Amino acid sequence: MDLFSRSKPILKELDLGIQMDSGAPSPVILSNEHIVMLIFYLNHFEPNWNGTTIHVRDNNDDVGVACVQFRHYKQVKYGWPNDEAYAGHKYKKLGLLPYRIYEVENSDWYAELEKGNSVHPYHNKERFMQGKHYIFFFHDSCFEVICKEIIVETHKAASLNTIAKHKAMELFK
C-alpha cells in the first residue's frame, strides 16, 4: 500500500499515565532541533474542595508536573483552538475533546509535510513518514506534534518553574 493512499485519519485517545490539569495546566514548550519538551501541571485533586472557590496555581510553588519529551520531531503546532472553540478543529468530527491526549492514526498532516520536503535532493518518502502524530488538548491551547519517540516523566514534588529551568539547562547544555 502506498504511504499516501492511507485510509482516513482515526483519533485514538491515549492513556499515558498522566492527566493534565483541566483548569490551568500552564503548558511550557522548550525545544531544540531534535527534541521538544512539553511541561504542564498534572490534575490537582483537593479532597476538601467544595467547588465554590477557584484555585490559582503558583508556578513557583505548586507541585505535580509532567514533562513529555518528543524526540526526532518533524513539526509542532501550538495555540488555537482553546476548549471553547474546539468544535472548529478539523478532528472534532473524529471525536476530539479538550483535556485529553490523542494519537492521530493515518494523519493527513504527513502528506502535507512530505509534499513540502519532496523538493529535497535526498528525499525518501518511507524514511520521511516515520513517526506518530500526537495531540495534547489543554484548557487555553492545543499542542500537536509529529515525532518518532515520546518519553513521559512526572515530578510530584517540584514546581513547574523548577522543572522548566532544569529541563532548559539539560536541553541546551
N, C-alpha and C. Protein backbone atom coordinates (compact mmCIF):
# COMPACT_ATOMS: atom_id res chain seq x y z
N MET A 1 0.84 -1.18 0.00
CA MET A 1 0.00 0.00 0.00
C MET A 1 0.88 1.24 0.00
N ASP A 2 0.60 2.18 -0.86
CA ASP A 2 1.33 3.44 -0.93
C ASP A 2 1.08 4.24 0.35
N LEU A 3 2.12 4.86 0.86
CA LEU A 3 2.00 5.64 2.09
C LEU A 3 1.00 6.77 1.98
N PHE A 4 0.69 7.21 0.76
CA PHE A 4 -0.18 8.36 0.61
C PHE A 4 -1.59 7.99 0.20
N SER A 5 -1.88 6.70 0.10
CA SER A 5 -3.25 6.28 -0.16
C SER A 5 -3.82 5.66 1.11
N ARG A 6 -3.41 6.20 2.23
CA ARG A 6 -3.87 5.72 3.52
C ARG A 6 -5.37 5.96 3.68
N SER A 7 -5.95 5.25 4.62
CA SER A 7 -7.35 5.49 4.92
C SER A 7 -7.49 6.80 5.69
N LYS A 8 -8.68 7.13 6.02
CA LYS A 8 -8.96 8.40 6.70
C LYS A 8 -8.34 8.42 8.09
N PRO A 9 -8.04 9.63 8.60
CA PRO A 9 -7.47 9.73 9.95
C PRO A 9 -8.40 9.13 11.01
N ILE A 10 -7.78 8.54 12.01
CA ILE A 10 -8.50 7.96 13.15
C ILE A 10 -7.92 8.57 14.41
N LEU A 11 -8.76 9.03 15.30
CA LEU A 11 -8.34 9.63 16.56
C LEU A 11 -8.41 8.58 17.65
N LYS A 12 -7.29 8.34 18.31
CA LYS A 12 -7.21 7.32 19.36
C LYS A 12 -6.80 8.02 20.66
N GLU A 13 -7.69 8.02 21.66
CA GLU A 13 -7.34 8.63 22.95
C GLU A 13 -6.29 7.75 23.62
N LEU A 14 -5.26 8.42 24.19
CA LEU A 14 -4.16 7.70 24.82
C LEU A 14 -4.22 7.82 26.34
N ASP A 15 -3.80 6.76 27.00
CA ASP A 15 -3.59 6.80 28.44
C ASP A 15 -2.09 6.68 28.66
N LEU A 16 -1.45 7.83 28.90
CA LEU A 16 -0.01 7.85 29.13
C LEU A 16 0.31 7.83 30.63
N GLY A 17 -0.70 7.57 31.46
CA GLY A 17 -0.49 7.54 32.90
C GLY A 17 -0.47 8.91 33.53
N ILE A 18 -0.89 9.92 32.79
CA ILE A 18 -0.94 11.29 33.31
C ILE A 18 -2.28 11.91 32.95
N GLN A 19 -2.73 12.84 33.77
CA GLN A 19 -3.93 13.60 33.46
C GLN A 19 -3.63 15.07 33.68
N MET A 20 -3.75 15.86 32.59
CA MET A 20 -3.44 17.29 32.68
C MET A 20 -4.46 18.00 33.56
N ASP A 21 -4.02 19.09 34.18
CA ASP A 21 -4.92 19.93 34.94
C ASP A 21 -5.93 20.54 33.97
N SER A 22 -7.21 20.45 34.29
CA SER A 22 -8.23 20.97 33.37
C SER A 22 -8.45 22.47 33.52
N GLY A 23 -8.04 23.05 34.63
CA GLY A 23 -8.25 24.47 34.84
C GLY A 23 -7.12 25.33 34.34
N ALA A 24 -5.92 25.06 34.82
CA ALA A 24 -4.75 25.87 34.45
C ALA A 24 -3.53 24.97 34.32
N PRO A 25 -3.42 24.23 33.21
CA PRO A 25 -2.25 23.36 33.06
C PRO A 25 -0.97 24.14 32.79
N SER A 26 -1.08 25.40 32.36
CA SER A 26 0.07 26.30 32.14
C SER A 26 1.18 25.68 31.32
N PRO A 27 0.89 25.16 30.13
CA PRO A 27 1.94 24.47 29.36
C PRO A 27 3.11 25.37 28.98
N VAL A 28 4.30 24.78 29.05
CA VAL A 28 5.55 25.43 28.66
C VAL A 28 6.19 24.54 27.60
N ILE A 29 6.72 25.16 26.56
CA ILE A 29 7.38 24.40 25.49
C ILE A 29 8.84 24.81 25.42
N LEU A 30 9.73 23.81 25.45
CA LEU A 30 11.16 24.01 25.25
C LEU A 30 11.57 23.17 24.05
N SER A 31 12.47 23.70 23.23
CA SER A 31 12.81 22.95 22.02
C SER A 31 14.20 23.28 21.52
N ASN A 32 14.83 22.28 20.91
CA ASN A 32 15.98 22.49 20.04
C ASN A 32 15.63 21.79 18.72
N GLU A 33 16.57 21.52 17.87
CA GLU A 33 16.24 20.93 16.56
C GLU A 33 15.91 19.44 16.62
N HIS A 34 16.08 18.80 17.77
CA HIS A 34 15.87 17.35 17.85
C HIS A 34 14.81 16.94 18.87
N ILE A 35 14.60 17.77 19.88
CA ILE A 35 13.69 17.43 20.97
C ILE A 35 12.78 18.62 21.27
N VAL A 36 11.51 18.31 21.50
CA VAL A 36 10.56 19.28 22.03
C VAL A 36 10.12 18.75 23.38
N MET A 37 10.12 19.62 24.39
CA MET A 37 9.61 19.24 25.70
C MET A 37 8.35 20.04 25.99
N LEU A 38 7.33 19.35 26.44
CA LEU A 38 6.06 19.95 26.83
C LEU A 38 5.91 19.72 28.32
N ILE A 39 5.90 20.81 29.07
CA ILE A 39 5.84 20.73 30.53
C ILE A 39 4.53 21.37 30.97
N PHE A 40 3.79 20.68 31.84
CA PHE A 40 2.49 21.21 32.27
C PHE A 40 2.10 20.60 33.62
N TYR A 41 1.12 21.27 34.26
CA TYR A 41 0.61 20.78 35.53
C TYR A 41 -0.28 19.56 35.34
N LEU A 42 -0.10 18.62 36.26
CA LEU A 42 -0.98 17.47 36.32
C LEU A 42 -2.25 17.85 37.07
N ASN A 43 -3.30 17.05 36.89
CA ASN A 43 -4.55 17.31 37.58
C ASN A 43 -4.30 17.36 39.08
N HIS A 44 -4.86 18.35 39.71
CA HIS A 44 -4.66 18.59 41.15
C HIS A 44 -5.97 18.31 41.87
N PHE A 45 -5.99 17.30 42.70
CA PHE A 45 -7.20 16.93 43.42
C PHE A 45 -7.09 17.39 44.86
N GLU A 46 -8.05 18.21 45.28
CA GLU A 46 -8.11 18.67 46.66
C GLU A 46 -9.29 17.99 47.33
N PRO A 47 -9.05 17.10 48.29
CA PRO A 47 -10.13 16.30 48.88
C PRO A 47 -11.19 17.14 49.60
N ASN A 48 -10.84 18.30 50.13
CA ASN A 48 -11.79 19.12 50.87
C ASN A 48 -12.41 20.23 50.03
N TRP A 49 -12.17 20.25 48.73
CA TRP A 49 -12.70 21.30 47.87
C TRP A 49 -14.20 21.10 47.65
N ASN A 50 -14.98 22.17 47.84
CA ASN A 50 -16.43 22.08 47.69
C ASN A 50 -16.94 22.66 46.37
N GLY A 51 -16.05 23.11 45.50
CA GLY A 51 -16.45 23.62 44.20
C GLY A 51 -16.83 25.07 44.16
N THR A 52 -16.74 25.78 45.27
CA THR A 52 -17.19 27.18 45.32
C THR A 52 -16.06 28.18 45.17
N THR A 53 -14.82 27.72 45.16
CA THR A 53 -13.69 28.63 45.03
C THR A 53 -12.83 28.24 43.84
N ILE A 54 -11.98 29.17 43.42
CA ILE A 54 -11.06 28.93 42.32
C ILE A 54 -9.66 28.82 42.88
N HIS A 55 -8.94 27.79 42.46
CA HIS A 55 -7.55 27.62 42.88
C HIS A 55 -6.66 28.18 41.77
N VAL A 56 -5.89 29.21 42.08
CA VAL A 56 -4.96 29.79 41.12
C VAL A 56 -3.59 29.17 41.38
N ARG A 57 -3.03 28.54 40.36
CA ARG A 57 -1.76 27.85 40.53
C ARG A 57 -0.62 28.84 40.57
N ASP A 58 0.38 28.53 41.37
CA ASP A 58 1.58 29.36 41.51
C ASP A 58 2.74 28.57 40.92
N ASN A 59 3.26 29.03 39.76
CA ASN A 59 4.31 28.29 39.05
C ASN A 59 5.59 28.12 39.87
N ASN A 60 5.76 28.91 40.92
CA ASN A 60 6.95 28.78 41.76
C ASN A 60 6.73 27.88 42.96
N ASP A 61 5.46 27.52 43.24
CA ASP A 61 5.16 26.81 44.47
C ASP A 61 4.39 25.51 44.25
N ASP A 62 3.39 25.53 43.39
CA ASP A 62 2.56 24.34 43.19
C ASP A 62 3.39 23.20 42.60
N VAL A 63 3.02 22.00 42.98
CA VAL A 63 3.74 20.81 42.53
C VAL A 63 2.80 19.88 41.76
N GLY A 64 3.39 18.90 41.12
CA GLY A 64 2.64 17.95 40.31
C GLY A 64 2.74 18.32 38.84
N VAL A 65 3.88 17.99 38.24
CA VAL A 65 4.20 18.45 36.89
C VAL A 65 4.56 17.26 36.00
N ALA A 66 4.13 17.34 34.74
CA ALA A 66 4.54 16.35 33.74
C ALA A 66 5.51 17.01 32.78
N CYS A 67 6.50 16.24 32.33
CA CYS A 67 7.40 16.68 31.27
C CYS A 67 7.36 15.58 30.21
N VAL A 68 6.85 15.94 29.04
CA VAL A 68 6.75 14.98 27.95
C VAL A 68 7.76 15.40 26.89
N GLN A 69 8.66 14.48 26.56
CA GLN A 69 9.68 14.74 25.54
C GLN A 69 9.28 14.08 24.24
N PHE A 70 9.38 14.85 23.17
CA PHE A 70 9.10 14.35 21.82
C PHE A 70 10.42 14.40 21.07
N ARG A 71 10.97 13.24 20.79
CA ARG A 71 12.29 13.15 20.16
C ARG A 71 12.17 12.93 18.65
N HIS A 72 13.11 13.52 17.93
CA HIS A 72 13.15 13.40 16.47
C HIS A 72 11.82 13.87 15.86
N TYR A 73 11.45 15.10 16.20
CA TYR A 73 10.18 15.62 15.72
C TYR A 73 10.32 16.25 14.34
N LYS A 74 9.22 16.27 13.61
CA LYS A 74 9.17 16.89 12.28
C LYS A 74 8.62 18.31 12.37
N GLN A 75 7.54 18.49 13.12
CA GLN A 75 6.93 19.80 13.22
C GLN A 75 6.03 19.84 14.45
N VAL A 76 5.82 21.08 14.95
CA VAL A 76 4.97 21.32 16.10
C VAL A 76 3.95 22.39 15.73
N LYS A 77 2.73 22.20 16.21
CA LYS A 77 1.69 23.24 16.12
C LYS A 77 1.26 23.54 17.55
N TYR A 78 1.10 24.82 17.86
CA TYR A 78 0.69 25.19 19.22
C TYR A 78 -0.14 26.46 19.18
N GLY A 79 -1.21 26.47 19.94
CA GLY A 79 -2.05 27.66 20.03
C GLY A 79 -3.51 27.29 19.92
N TRP A 80 -4.19 27.94 18.96
CA TRP A 80 -5.60 27.74 18.75
C TRP A 80 -5.89 26.29 18.38
N PRO A 81 -7.02 25.75 18.72
CA PRO A 81 -8.14 26.33 19.47
C PRO A 81 -8.03 26.07 20.96
N ASN A 82 -8.81 26.83 21.73
CA ASN A 82 -8.92 26.55 23.16
C ASN A 82 -10.16 25.67 23.37
N ASP A 83 -10.47 25.39 24.64
CA ASP A 83 -11.58 24.46 24.92
C ASP A 83 -12.94 25.00 24.48
N GLU A 84 -13.07 26.33 24.37
CA GLU A 84 -14.35 26.90 23.96
C GLU A 84 -14.54 26.89 22.44
N ALA A 85 -13.45 26.70 21.70
CA ALA A 85 -13.53 26.70 20.23
C ALA A 85 -13.10 25.36 19.63
N TYR A 86 -13.07 24.32 20.44
CA TYR A 86 -12.58 23.03 19.95
C TYR A 86 -13.42 22.50 18.78
N ALA A 87 -14.68 22.92 18.69
CA ALA A 87 -15.53 22.45 17.60
C ALA A 87 -15.01 22.92 16.24
N GLY A 88 -14.12 23.91 16.22
CA GLY A 88 -13.53 24.39 14.98
C GLY A 88 -12.32 23.58 14.52
N HIS A 89 -11.82 22.69 15.35
CA HIS A 89 -10.67 21.86 14.99
C HIS A 89 -11.11 20.80 13.98
N LYS A 90 -10.28 20.54 12.98
CA LYS A 90 -10.67 19.61 11.92
C LYS A 90 -10.90 18.18 12.42
N TYR A 91 -10.38 17.83 13.59
CA TYR A 91 -10.58 16.48 14.11
C TYR A 91 -11.76 16.38 15.08
N LYS A 92 -12.51 17.45 15.25
CA LYS A 92 -13.71 17.40 16.10
C LYS A 92 -14.66 16.30 15.61
N LYS A 93 -14.80 16.20 14.30
CA LYS A 93 -15.71 15.19 13.71
C LYS A 93 -15.27 13.76 14.01
N LEU A 94 -14.01 13.61 14.45
CA LEU A 94 -13.49 12.29 14.80
C LEU A 94 -13.62 12.00 16.30
N GLY A 95 -14.16 12.98 17.06
CA GLY A 95 -14.35 12.79 18.49
C GLY A 95 -13.42 13.58 19.38
N LEU A 96 -12.66 14.52 18.82
CA LEU A 96 -11.72 15.33 19.61
C LEU A 96 -12.45 16.09 20.71
N LEU A 97 -11.92 16.01 21.93
CA LEU A 97 -12.45 16.75 23.08
C LEU A 97 -11.30 17.38 23.85
N PRO A 98 -11.54 18.49 24.52
CA PRO A 98 -10.49 19.11 25.33
C PRO A 98 -10.09 18.25 26.53
N TYR A 99 -8.95 18.58 27.10
CA TYR A 99 -8.41 17.95 28.32
C TYR A 99 -8.05 16.48 28.12
N ARG A 100 -7.67 16.15 26.90
CA ARG A 100 -7.33 14.76 26.59
C ARG A 100 -6.07 14.71 25.72
N ILE A 101 -5.52 13.51 25.62
CA ILE A 101 -4.32 13.27 24.83
C ILE A 101 -4.67 12.22 23.77
N TYR A 102 -4.24 12.49 22.52
CA TYR A 102 -4.60 11.62 21.41
C TYR A 102 -3.39 11.29 20.55
N GLU A 103 -3.53 10.18 19.84
CA GLU A 103 -2.69 9.88 18.69
C GLU A 103 -3.60 9.89 17.47
N VAL A 104 -3.13 10.50 16.39
CA VAL A 104 -3.89 10.51 15.15
C VAL A 104 -3.26 9.47 14.22
N GLU A 105 -3.97 8.38 14.01
CA GLU A 105 -3.51 7.36 13.07
C GLU A 105 -3.93 7.78 11.67
N ASN A 106 -3.11 7.46 10.69
CA ASN A 106 -3.36 7.85 9.29
C ASN A 106 -3.47 9.36 9.14
N SER A 107 -2.65 10.08 9.85
CA SER A 107 -2.73 11.54 9.86
C SER A 107 -2.51 12.14 8.47
N ASP A 108 -3.35 13.09 8.13
CA ASP A 108 -3.20 13.80 6.86
C ASP A 108 -2.10 14.86 6.92
N TRP A 109 -1.60 15.14 8.10
CA TRP A 109 -0.50 16.09 8.28
C TRP A 109 0.77 15.57 7.60
N TYR A 110 0.97 14.24 7.63
CA TYR A 110 2.15 13.64 7.00
C TYR A 110 2.26 14.01 5.52
N ALA A 111 1.16 13.86 4.81
CA ALA A 111 1.18 14.15 3.36
C ALA A 111 1.56 15.60 3.11
N GLU A 112 1.05 16.50 3.92
CA GLU A 112 1.39 17.92 3.79
C GLU A 112 2.90 18.15 3.98
N LEU A 113 3.46 17.53 5.01
CA LEU A 113 4.89 17.69 5.29
C LEU A 113 5.74 17.01 4.22
N GLU A 114 5.32 15.83 3.80
CA GLU A 114 6.09 15.10 2.79
C GLU A 114 6.12 15.86 1.47
N LYS A 115 5.02 16.45 1.10
CA LYS A 115 4.96 17.23 -0.14
C LYS A 115 5.97 18.38 -0.08
N GLY A 116 6.02 19.07 1.04
CA GLY A 116 6.97 20.17 1.19
C GLY A 116 8.41 19.71 1.16
N ASN A 117 8.69 18.54 1.71
CA ASN A 117 10.06 18.03 1.77
C ASN A 117 10.48 17.32 0.48
N SER A 118 9.54 17.04 -0.40
CA SER A 118 9.85 16.27 -1.61
C SER A 118 10.83 16.98 -2.55
N VAL A 119 11.04 18.27 -2.37
CA VAL A 119 11.99 19.00 -3.21
C VAL A 119 13.44 18.75 -2.77
N HIS A 120 13.64 18.16 -1.60
CA HIS A 120 14.98 17.87 -1.10
C HIS A 120 15.63 16.83 -2.02
N PRO A 121 16.89 17.04 -2.44
CA PRO A 121 17.52 16.11 -3.38
C PRO A 121 17.64 14.68 -2.87
N TYR A 122 17.69 14.47 -1.55
CA TYR A 122 17.82 13.12 -0.99
C TYR A 122 16.54 12.67 -0.29
N HIS A 123 15.42 13.25 -0.66
CA HIS A 123 14.14 12.91 -0.04
C HIS A 123 13.81 11.44 -0.23
N ASN A 124 13.34 10.80 0.85
CA ASN A 124 12.93 9.40 0.83
C ASN A 124 11.57 9.32 1.52
N LYS A 125 10.52 9.01 0.77
CA LYS A 125 9.16 9.01 1.33
C LYS A 125 9.04 8.11 2.56
N GLU A 126 9.51 6.89 2.46
CA GLU A 126 9.35 5.94 3.55
C GLU A 126 10.06 6.41 4.82
N ARG A 127 11.26 6.91 4.67
CA ARG A 127 12.02 7.38 5.83
C ARG A 127 11.37 8.64 6.42
N PHE A 128 10.92 9.51 5.53
CA PHE A 128 10.32 10.75 5.99
C PHE A 128 9.03 10.52 6.77
N MET A 129 8.30 9.48 6.44
CA MET A 129 6.99 9.24 7.03
C MET A 129 7.05 8.55 8.40
N GLN A 130 8.21 8.32 8.94
CA GLN A 130 8.32 7.68 10.24
C GLN A 130 7.88 8.65 11.34
N GLY A 131 7.18 8.12 12.33
CA GLY A 131 6.75 8.92 13.46
C GLY A 131 5.26 8.82 13.68
N LYS A 132 4.80 9.50 14.73
CA LYS A 132 3.39 9.50 15.10
C LYS A 132 2.94 10.93 15.34
N HIS A 133 1.66 11.16 15.13
CA HIS A 133 1.03 12.46 15.32
C HIS A 133 0.29 12.43 16.66
N TYR A 134 0.69 13.33 17.59
CA TYR A 134 0.07 13.42 18.91
C TYR A 134 -0.63 14.76 19.06
N ILE A 135 -1.72 14.75 19.83
CA ILE A 135 -2.43 15.97 20.20
C ILE A 135 -2.61 16.00 21.71
N PHE A 136 -2.21 17.10 22.33
CA PHE A 136 -2.45 17.37 23.75
C PHE A 136 -3.38 18.58 23.78
N PHE A 137 -4.63 18.37 24.19
CA PHE A 137 -5.61 19.45 24.14
C PHE A 137 -5.81 20.01 25.54
N PHE A 138 -5.29 21.21 25.76
CA PHE A 138 -5.34 21.88 27.06
C PHE A 138 -6.57 22.77 27.18
N HIS A 139 -6.63 23.54 28.24
CA HIS A 139 -7.74 24.46 28.51
C HIS A 139 -7.72 25.64 27.53
N ASP A 140 -6.58 26.30 27.41
CA ASP A 140 -6.48 27.50 26.58
C ASP A 140 -5.71 27.30 25.29
N SER A 141 -5.26 26.10 25.01
CA SER A 141 -4.45 25.87 23.82
C SER A 141 -4.45 24.39 23.44
N CYS A 142 -3.92 24.16 22.26
CA CYS A 142 -3.81 22.82 21.72
C CYS A 142 -2.38 22.64 21.19
N PHE A 143 -1.76 21.52 21.52
CA PHE A 143 -0.38 21.21 21.11
C PHE A 143 -0.43 19.97 20.23
N GLU A 144 0.19 20.06 19.04
CA GLU A 144 0.27 18.91 18.14
C GLU A 144 1.72 18.75 17.69
N VAL A 145 2.13 17.50 17.54
CA VAL A 145 3.50 17.21 17.13
C VAL A 145 3.53 15.91 16.35
N ILE A 146 4.46 15.82 15.40
CA ILE A 146 4.80 14.55 14.77
C ILE A 146 6.23 14.23 15.19
N CYS A 147 6.43 13.06 15.78
CA CYS A 147 7.76 12.68 16.27
C CYS A 147 7.92 11.17 16.22
N LYS A 148 9.17 10.73 16.40
CA LYS A 148 9.48 9.29 16.39
C LYS A 148 9.36 8.66 17.76
N GLU A 149 9.62 9.44 18.82
CA GLU A 149 9.67 8.85 20.17
C GLU A 149 9.07 9.81 21.17
N ILE A 150 8.37 9.26 22.16
CA ILE A 150 7.78 10.06 23.23
C ILE A 150 8.20 9.46 24.57
N ILE A 151 8.60 10.34 25.48
CA ILE A 151 9.01 9.93 26.83
C ILE A 151 8.24 10.78 27.83
N VAL A 152 7.57 10.13 28.78
CA VAL A 152 6.75 10.83 29.77
C VAL A 152 7.40 10.71 31.15
N GLU A 153 7.58 11.86 31.79
CA GLU A 153 8.09 11.91 33.17
C GLU A 153 7.09 12.67 34.03
N THR A 154 6.97 12.26 35.29
CA THR A 154 6.17 13.04 36.24
C THR A 154 7.07 13.46 37.39
N HIS A 155 6.77 14.63 37.91
CA HIS A 155 7.53 15.21 39.02
C HIS A 155 6.51 15.69 40.04
N LYS A 156 6.29 14.87 41.05
CA LYS A 156 5.22 15.17 42.02
C LYS A 156 5.64 16.17 43.09
N ALA A 157 6.94 16.37 43.28
CA ALA A 157 7.40 17.25 44.36
C ALA A 157 8.15 18.47 43.85
N ALA A 158 7.95 18.85 42.61
CA ALA A 158 8.66 20.01 42.06
C ALA A 158 7.68 20.93 41.35
N SER A 159 7.98 22.23 41.38
CA SER A 159 7.12 23.22 40.73
C SER A 159 7.36 23.26 39.23
N LEU A 160 6.43 23.85 38.51
CA LEU A 160 6.55 23.99 37.06
C LEU A 160 7.80 24.78 36.70
N ASN A 161 8.03 25.89 37.37
CA ASN A 161 9.22 26.71 37.07
C ASN A 161 10.51 25.95 37.34
N THR A 162 10.55 25.19 38.41
CA THR A 162 11.75 24.42 38.74
C THR A 162 12.04 23.39 37.65
N ILE A 163 11.01 22.67 37.23
CA ILE A 163 11.20 21.65 36.19
C ILE A 163 11.58 22.31 34.87
N ALA A 164 10.92 23.40 34.51
CA ALA A 164 11.22 24.09 33.25
C ALA A 164 12.67 24.58 33.22
N LYS A 165 13.13 25.16 34.32
CA LYS A 165 14.52 25.64 34.38
C LYS A 165 15.50 24.48 34.27
N HIS A 166 15.23 23.41 35.00
CA HIS A 166 16.11 22.23 34.96
C HIS A 166 16.16 21.62 33.56
N LYS A 167 14.99 21.49 32.93
CA LYS A 167 14.93 20.88 31.59
C LYS A 167 15.56 21.79 30.54
N ALA A 168 15.44 23.11 30.69
CA ALA A 168 16.07 24.04 29.75
C ALA A 168 17.60 23.89 29.84
N MET A 169 18.13 23.78 31.05
CA MET A 169 19.59 23.61 31.21
C MET A 169 20.01 22.26 30.60
N GLU A 170 19.21 21.23 30.78
CA GLU A 170 19.51 19.90 30.23
C GLU A 170 19.46 19.93 28.70
N LEU A 171 18.49 20.62 28.14
CA LEU A 171 18.28 20.64 26.70
C LEU A 171 19.37 21.46 25.99
N PHE A 172 19.85 22.52 26.63
CA PHE A 172 20.75 23.44 25.96
C PHE A 172 22.19 23.39 26.49
N LYS A 173 22.57 22.31 27.17
CA LYS A 173 23.95 22.22 27.66
C LYS A 173 24.91 21.87 26.57
